[in-house]
PDB file of all heavy atoms in Angstrom:
ATOM      1  N   ILE A   1      -3.762  -7.209   9.598  1.00  0.00           N
ATOM      2  CA  ILE A   1      -4.871  -6.447  10.161  1.00  0.00           C
ATOM      3  C   ILE A   1      -6.033  -6.412   9.176  1.00  0.00           C
ATOM      4  O   ILE A   1      -5.851  -6.610   7.973  1.00  0.00           O
ATOM      5  CB  ILE A   1      -4.432  -5.011  10.497  1.00  0.00           C
ATOM      6  CG1 ILE A   1      -3.874  -4.325   9.238  1.00  0.00           C
ATOM      7  CG2 ILE A   1      -3.396  -5.019  11.611  1.00  0.00           C
ATOM      8  CD1 ILE A   1      -3.501  -2.879   9.449  1.00  0.00           C
ATOM      9  N   PRO A   2      -7.246  -6.178   9.665  1.00  0.00           N
ATOM     10  CA  PRO A   2      -8.391  -6.032   8.751  1.00  0.00           C
ATOM     11  C   PRO A   2      -8.104  -4.977   7.690  1.00  0.00           C
ATOM     12  O   PRO A   2      -7.646  -3.872   7.988  1.00  0.00           O
ATOM     13  CB  PRO A   2      -9.526  -5.587   9.683  1.00  0.00           C
ATOM     14  CG  PRO A   2      -9.150  -6.147  11.029  1.00  0.00           C
ATOM     15  CD  PRO A   2      -7.652  -6.051  11.087  1.00  0.00           C
ATOM     16  N   GLY A   3      -8.331  -5.347   6.477  1.00  0.00           N
ATOM     17  CA  GLY A   3      -8.085  -4.419   5.379  1.00  0.00           C
ATOM     18  C   GLY A   3      -6.706  -4.527   4.779  1.00  0.00           C
ATOM     19  O   GLY A   3      -6.411  -3.886   3.765  1.00  0.00           O
ATOM     20  N   SER A   4      -5.827  -5.348   5.384  1.00  0.00           N
ATOM     21  CA  SER A   4      -4.456  -5.429   4.867  1.00  0.00           C
ATOM     22  C   SER A   4      -4.417  -6.000   3.455  1.00  0.00           C
ATOM     23  O   SER A   4      -3.554  -5.650   2.664  1.00  0.00           O
ATOM     24  CB  SER A   4      -3.585  -6.273   5.800  1.00  0.00           C
ATOM     25  OG  SER A   4      -4.079  -7.600   5.898  1.00  0.00           O
ATOM     26  N   LYS A   5      -5.356  -6.902   3.155  1.00  0.00           N
ATOM     27  CA  LYS A   5      -5.351  -7.477   1.807  1.00  0.00           C
ATOM     28  C   LYS A   5      -5.610  -6.413   0.741  1.00  0.00           C
ATOM     29  O   LYS A   5      -5.117  -6.503  -0.386  1.00  0.00           O
ATOM     30  CB  LYS A   5      -6.367  -8.604   1.697  1.00  0.00           C
ATOM     31  CG  LYS A   5      -7.815  -8.189   1.831  1.00  0.00           C
ATOM     32  CD  LYS A   5      -8.729  -9.412   1.671  1.00  0.00           C
ATOM     33  CE  LYS A   5     -10.189  -9.013   1.778  1.00  0.00           C
ATOM     34  NZ  LYS A   5     -11.076 -10.203   1.624  1.00  0.00           N
ATOM     35  N   TYR A   6      -6.368  -5.360   1.119  1.00  0.00           N
ATOM     36  CA  TYR A   6      -6.632  -4.286   0.157  1.00  0.00           C
ATOM     37  C   TYR A   6      -5.383  -3.419  -0.037  1.00  0.00           C
ATOM     38  O   TYR A   6      -5.106  -2.950  -1.131  1.00  0.00           O
ATOM     39  CB  TYR A   6      -7.805  -3.437   0.637  1.00  0.00           C
ATOM     40  CG  TYR A   6      -9.083  -4.226   0.765  1.00  0.00           C
ATOM     41  CD1 TYR A   6      -9.617  -4.506   2.016  1.00  0.00           C
ATOM     42  CD2 TYR A   6      -9.735  -4.705  -0.371  1.00  0.00           C
ATOM     43  CE1 TYR A   6     -10.798  -5.245   2.142  1.00  0.00           C
ATOM     44  CE2 TYR A   6     -10.908  -5.454  -0.257  1.00  0.00           C
ATOM     45  CZ  TYR A   6     -11.421  -5.722   1.000  1.00  0.00           C
ATOM     46  OH  TYR A   6     -12.569  -6.459   1.112  1.00  0.00           O
ATOM     47  N   LEU A   7      -4.638  -3.248   1.065  1.00  0.00           N
ATOM     48  CA  LEU A   7      -3.384  -2.514   0.953  1.00  0.00           C
ATOM     49  C   LEU A   7      -2.406  -3.266   0.062  1.00  0.00           C
ATOM     50  O   LEU A   7      -1.746  -2.673  -0.803  1.00  0.00           O
ATOM     51  CB  LEU A   7      -2.775  -2.289   2.340  1.00  0.00           C
ATOM     52  CG  LEU A   7      -1.393  -1.624   2.372  1.00  0.00           C
ATOM     53  CD1 LEU A   7      -1.465  -0.244   1.725  1.00  0.00           C
ATOM     54  CD2 LEU A   7      -0.875  -1.512   3.794  1.00  0.00           C
ATOM     55  N   LEU A   8      -2.307  -4.598   0.262  1.00  0.00           N
ATOM     56  CA  LEU A   8      -1.403  -5.391  -0.559  1.00  0.00           C
ATOM     57  C   LEU A   8      -1.836  -5.361  -2.024  1.00  0.00           C
ATOM     58  O   LEU A   8      -0.987  -5.320  -2.922  1.00  0.00           O
ATOM     59  CB  LEU A   8      -1.370  -6.834  -0.044  1.00  0.00           C
ATOM     60  CG  LEU A   8      -0.657  -7.033   1.292  1.00  0.00           C
ATOM     61  CD1 LEU A   8      -0.789  -8.480   1.755  1.00  0.00           C
ATOM     62  CD2 LEU A   8       0.810  -6.656   1.187  1.00  0.00           C
ATOM     63  N   TYR A   9      -3.134  -5.375  -2.263  1.00  0.00           N
ATOM     64  CA  TYR A   9      -3.627  -5.281  -3.643  1.00  0.00           C
ATOM     65  C   TYR A   9      -3.193  -3.953  -4.253  1.00  0.00           C
ATOM     66  O   TYR A   9      -2.741  -3.888  -5.398  1.00  0.00           O
ATOM     67  CB  TYR A   9      -5.150  -5.399  -3.664  1.00  0.00           C
ATOM     68  CG  TYR A   9      -5.752  -5.312  -5.046  1.00  0.00           C
ATOM     69  CD1 TYR A   9      -5.896  -6.460  -5.834  1.00  0.00           C
ATOM     70  CD2 TYR A   9      -6.158  -4.089  -5.577  1.00  0.00           C
ATOM     71  CE1 TYR A   9      -6.430  -6.380  -7.113  1.00  0.00           C
ATOM     72  CE2 TYR A   9      -6.689  -3.998  -6.851  1.00  0.00           C
ATOM     73  CZ  TYR A   9      -6.834  -5.149  -7.619  1.00  0.00           C
ATOM     74  OH  TYR A   9      -7.345  -5.068  -8.878  1.00  0.00           O
ATOM     75  N   PHE A  10      -3.312  -2.889  -3.464  1.00  0.00           N
ATOM     76  CA  PHE A  10      -2.903  -1.561  -3.920  1.00  0.00           C
ATOM     77  C   PHE A  10      -1.412  -1.550  -4.271  1.00  0.00           C
ATOM     78  O   PHE A  10      -1.007  -1.041  -5.318  1.00  0.00           O
ATOM     79  CB  PHE A  10      -3.196  -0.549  -2.813  1.00  0.00           C
ATOM     80  CG  PHE A  10      -2.614   0.818  -3.059  1.00  0.00           C
ATOM     81  CD1 PHE A  10      -3.242   1.719  -3.906  1.00  0.00           C
ATOM     82  CD2 PHE A  10      -1.425   1.205  -2.439  1.00  0.00           C
ATOM     83  CE1 PHE A  10      -2.714   2.978  -4.122  1.00  0.00           C
ATOM     84  CE2 PHE A  10      -0.889   2.456  -2.665  1.00  0.00           C
ATOM     85  CZ  PHE A  10      -1.532   3.346  -3.508  1.00  0.00           C
ATOM     86  N   VAL A  11      -0.611  -2.147  -3.385  1.00  0.00           N
ATOM     87  CA  VAL A  11       0.841  -2.171  -3.592  1.00  0.00           C
ATOM     88  C   VAL A  11       1.189  -2.937  -4.857  1.00  0.00           C
ATOM     89  O   VAL A  11       1.990  -2.496  -5.689  1.00  0.00           O
ATOM     90  CB  VAL A  11       1.542  -2.802  -2.369  1.00  0.00           C
ATOM     91  CG1 VAL A  11       3.013  -3.004  -2.654  1.00  0.00           C
ATOM     92  CG2 VAL A  11       1.358  -1.924  -1.149  1.00  0.00           C
ATOM     93  N   GLU A  12       0.572  -4.110  -5.019  1.00  0.00           N
ATOM     94  CA  GLU A  12       0.892  -4.961  -6.162  1.00  0.00           C
ATOM     95  C   GLU A  12       0.520  -4.314  -7.484  1.00  0.00           C
ATOM     96  O   GLU A  12       1.209  -4.481  -8.489  1.00  0.00           O
ATOM     97  CB  GLU A  12       0.159  -6.305  -6.032  1.00  0.00           C
ATOM     98  CG  GLU A  12       0.679  -7.183  -4.898  1.00  0.00           C
ATOM     99  CD  GLU A  12      -0.214  -8.390  -4.660  1.00  0.00           C
ATOM    100  OE1 GLU A  12      -1.049  -8.689  -5.541  1.00  0.00           O
ATOM    101  OE2 GLU A  12      -0.096  -9.016  -3.601  1.00  0.00           O
ATOM    102  N   HIS A  13      -0.560  -3.555  -7.497  1.00  0.00           N
ATOM    103  CA  HIS A  13      -1.056  -3.017  -8.762  1.00  0.00           C
ATOM    104  C   HIS A  13      -0.660  -1.568  -9.033  1.00  0.00           C
ATOM    105  O   HIS A  13      -0.659  -1.134 -10.174  1.00  0.00           O
ATOM    106  CB  HIS A  13      -2.586  -3.154  -8.822  1.00  0.00           C
ATOM    107  CG  HIS A  13      -3.043  -4.566  -8.945  1.00  0.00           C
ATOM    108  ND1 HIS A  13      -3.120  -5.414  -7.859  1.00  0.00           N
ATOM    109  CD2 HIS A  13      -3.414  -5.298 -10.022  1.00  0.00           C
ATOM    110  CE1 HIS A  13      -3.545  -6.606  -8.269  1.00  0.00           C
ATOM    111  NE2 HIS A  13      -3.730  -6.559  -9.573  1.00  0.00           N
ATOM    112  N   VAL A  14      -0.325  -0.836  -7.991  1.00  0.00           N
ATOM    113  CA  VAL A  14       0.059   0.562  -8.187  1.00  0.00           C
ATOM    114  C   VAL A  14       1.574   0.738  -8.112  1.00  0.00           C
ATOM    115  O   VAL A  14       2.150   1.573  -8.783  1.00  0.00           O
ATOM    116  CB  VAL A  14      -0.650   1.479  -7.158  1.00  0.00           C
ATOM    117  CG1 VAL A  14      -0.232   2.926  -7.339  1.00  0.00           C
ATOM    118  CG2 VAL A  14      -2.155   1.336  -7.302  1.00  0.00           C
ATOM    119  N   GLY A  15       2.211  -0.091  -7.261  1.00  0.00           N
ATOM    120  CA  GLY A  15       3.664  -0.047  -7.236  1.00  0.00           C
ATOM    121  C   GLY A  15       4.249   0.310  -5.882  1.00  0.00           C
ATOM    122  O   GLY A  15       3.613   0.980  -5.070  1.00  0.00           O
ATOM    123  N   PHE A  16       5.445  -0.134  -5.668  1.00  0.00           N
ATOM    124  CA  PHE A  16       6.112   0.058  -4.393  1.00  0.00           C
ATOM    125  C   PHE A  16       6.437   1.522  -4.081  1.00  0.00           C
ATOM    126  O   PHE A  16       6.335   1.946  -2.932  1.00  0.00           O
ATOM    127  CB  PHE A  16       7.389  -0.786  -4.345  1.00  0.00           C
ATOM    128  CG  PHE A  16       8.072  -0.760  -3.010  1.00  0.00           C
ATOM    129  CD1 PHE A  16       7.507  -1.416  -1.917  1.00  0.00           C
ATOM    130  CD2 PHE A  16       9.267  -0.088  -2.833  1.00  0.00           C
ATOM    131  CE1 PHE A  16       8.126  -1.409  -0.688  1.00  0.00           C
ATOM    132  CE2 PHE A  16       9.886  -0.075  -1.602  1.00  0.00           C
ATOM    133  CZ  PHE A  16       9.314  -0.736  -0.528  1.00  0.00           C
ATOM    134  N   PRO A  17       6.835   2.340  -5.034  1.00  0.00           N
ATOM    135  CA  PRO A  17       7.139   3.749  -4.707  1.00  0.00           C
ATOM    136  C   PRO A  17       5.954   4.467  -4.068  1.00  0.00           C
ATOM    137  O   PRO A  17       6.101   5.185  -3.079  1.00  0.00           O
ATOM    138  CB  PRO A  17       7.499   4.354  -6.066  1.00  0.00           C
ATOM    139  CG  PRO A  17       7.998   3.206  -6.865  1.00  0.00           C
ATOM    140  CD  PRO A  17       7.161   2.040  -6.445  1.00  0.00           C
ATOM    141  N   LEU A  18       4.740   4.267  -4.627  1.00  0.00           N
ATOM    142  CA  LEU A  18       3.572   4.899  -4.033  1.00  0.00           C
ATOM    143  C   LEU A  18       3.238   4.298  -2.679  1.00  0.00           C
ATOM    144  O   LEU A  18       2.750   4.981  -1.784  1.00  0.00           O
ATOM    145  CB  LEU A  18       2.361   4.765  -4.972  1.00  0.00           C
ATOM    146  CG  LEU A  18       2.349   5.722  -6.172  1.00  0.00           C
ATOM    147  CD1 LEU A  18       1.125   5.460  -7.034  1.00  0.00           C
ATOM    148  CD2 LEU A  18       2.366   7.165  -5.706  1.00  0.00           C
ATOM    149  N   TYR A  19       3.538   3.013  -2.523  1.00  0.00           N
ATOM    150  CA  TYR A  19       3.350   2.362  -1.223  1.00  0.00           C
ATOM    151  C   TYR A  19       4.226   3.035  -0.170  1.00  0.00           C
ATOM    152  O   TYR A  19       3.779   3.350   0.931  1.00  0.00           O
ATOM    153  CB  TYR A  19       3.703   0.876  -1.345  1.00  0.00           C
ATOM    154  CG  TYR A  19       3.939   0.167  -0.032  1.00  0.00           C
ATOM    155  CD1 TYR A  19       2.875  -0.207   0.771  1.00  0.00           C
ATOM    156  CD2 TYR A  19       5.230  -0.136   0.385  1.00  0.00           C
ATOM    157  CE1 TYR A  19       3.082  -0.872   1.964  1.00  0.00           C
ATOM    158  CE2 TYR A  19       5.456  -0.798   1.570  1.00  0.00           C
ATOM    159  CZ  TYR A  19       4.371  -1.163   2.361  1.00  0.00           C
ATOM    160  OH  TYR A  19       4.591  -1.812   3.538  1.00  0.00           O
ATOM    161  N   GLY A  20       5.493   3.288  -0.531  1.00  0.00           N
ATOM    162  CA  GLY A  20       6.404   3.941   0.404  1.00  0.00           C
ATOM    163  C   GLY A  20       5.910   5.326   0.779  1.00  0.00           C
ATOM    164  O   GLY A  20       5.951   5.728   1.938  1.00  0.00           O
ATOM    165  N   PHE A  21       5.413   6.073  -0.229  1.00  0.00           N
ATOM    166  CA  PHE A  21       4.882   7.414   0.047  1.00  0.00           C
ATOM    167  C   PHE A  21       3.671   7.320   0.983  1.00  0.00           C
ATOM    168  O   PHE A  21       3.531   8.097   1.927  1.00  0.00           O
ATOM    169  CB  PHE A  21       4.493   8.076  -1.281  1.00  0.00           C
ATOM    170  CG  PHE A  21       3.731   9.371  -1.104  1.00  0.00           C
ATOM    171  CD1 PHE A  21       4.396  10.545  -0.759  1.00  0.00           C
ATOM    172  CD2 PHE A  21       2.348   9.403  -1.262  1.00  0.00           C
ATOM    173  CE1 PHE A  21       3.692  11.721  -0.576  1.00  0.00           C
ATOM    174  CE2 PHE A  21       1.654  10.568  -1.096  1.00  0.00           C
ATOM    175  CZ  PHE A  21       2.319  11.748  -0.750  1.00  0.00           C
ATOM    176  N   PHE A  22       2.801   6.341   0.729  1.00  0.00           N
ATOM    177  CA  PHE A  22       1.598   6.128   1.523  1.00  0.00           C
ATOM    178  C   PHE A  22       1.944   5.852   2.986  1.00  0.00           C
ATOM    179  O   PHE A  22       1.368   6.414   3.899  1.00  0.00           O
ATOM    180  CB  PHE A  22       0.814   4.961   0.914  1.00  0.00           C
ATOM    181  CG  PHE A  22      -0.446   4.618   1.645  1.00  0.00           C
ATOM    182  CD1 PHE A  22      -1.495   5.509   1.734  1.00  0.00           C
ATOM    183  CD2 PHE A  22      -0.589   3.364   2.234  1.00  0.00           C
ATOM    184  CE1 PHE A  22      -2.672   5.172   2.398  1.00  0.00           C
ATOM    185  CE2 PHE A  22      -1.758   3.023   2.898  1.00  0.00           C
ATOM    186  CZ  PHE A  22      -2.797   3.932   2.981  1.00  0.00           C
ATOM    187  N   VAL A  23       2.935   4.993   3.190  1.00  0.00           N
ATOM    188  CA  VAL A  23       3.357   4.636   4.552  1.00  0.00           C
ATOM    189  C   VAL A  23       3.955   5.829   5.267  1.00  0.00           C
ATOM    190  O   VAL A  23       3.650   6.095   6.437  1.00  0.00           O
ATOM    191  CB  VAL A  23       4.352   3.455   4.519  1.00  0.00           C
ATOM    192  CG1 VAL A  23       5.005   3.252   5.870  1.00  0.00           C
ATOM    193  CG2 VAL A  23       3.633   2.172   4.088  1.00  0.00           C
ATOM    194  N   ARG A  24       4.836   6.569   4.571  1.00  0.00           N
ATOM    195  CA  ARG A  24       5.465   7.733   5.195  1.00  0.00           C
ATOM    196  C   ARG A  24       4.395   8.776   5.591  1.00  0.00           C
ATOM    197  O   ARG A  24       4.493   9.420   6.630  1.00  0.00           O
ATOM    198  CB  ARG A  24       6.482   8.364   4.230  1.00  0.00           C
ATOM    199  CG  ARG A  24       7.758   7.547   4.084  1.00  0.00           C
ATOM    200  CD  ARG A  24       8.846   8.356   3.376  1.00  0.00           C
ATOM    201  NE  ARG A  24       8.475   8.740   2.043  1.00  0.00           N
ATOM    202  CZ  ARG A  24       8.686   7.980   0.970  1.00  0.00           C
ATOM    203  NH1 ARG A  24       9.251   6.797   1.094  1.00  0.00           N
ATOM    204  NH2 ARG A  24       8.335   8.393  -0.247  1.00  0.00           N
ATOM    205  N   LEU A  25       3.388   8.913   4.749  1.00  0.00           N
ATOM    206  CA  LEU A  25       2.308   9.862   5.023  1.00  0.00           C
ATOM    207  C   LEU A  25       1.562   9.459   6.305  1.00  0.00           C
ATOM    208  O   LEU A  25       1.289  10.298   7.158  1.00  0.00           O
ATOM    209  CB  LEU A  25       1.357   9.913   3.833  1.00  0.00           C
ATOM    210  CG  LEU A  25       0.245  10.972   3.875  1.00  0.00           C
ATOM    211  CD1 LEU A  25       0.863  12.370   3.834  1.00  0.00           C
ATOM    212  CD2 LEU A  25      -0.691  10.788   2.698  1.00  0.00           C
ATOM    213  N   LEU A  26       1.250   8.170   6.433  1.00  0.00           N
ATOM    214  CA  LEU A  26       0.516   7.688   7.597  1.00  0.00           C
ATOM    215  C   LEU A  26       1.344   7.775   8.872  1.00  0.00           C
ATOM    216  O   LEU A  26       0.800   7.892   9.969  1.00  0.00           O
ATOM    217  CB  LEU A  26       0.051   6.243   7.378  1.00  0.00           C
ATOM    218  CG  LEU A  26      -1.101   6.067   6.401  1.00  0.00           C
ATOM    219  CD1 LEU A  26      -1.379   4.576   6.193  1.00  0.00           C
ATOM    220  CD2 LEU A  26      -2.371   6.738   6.911  1.00  0.00           C
TER     221      LEU A  26
END
């Protein structure tokens, strides 16, 4: 989806645990 590359950048540089929290929040 539009903007997904920014999400992947966030995941790669901030880490998977925060990614999981981000997804659960959404």
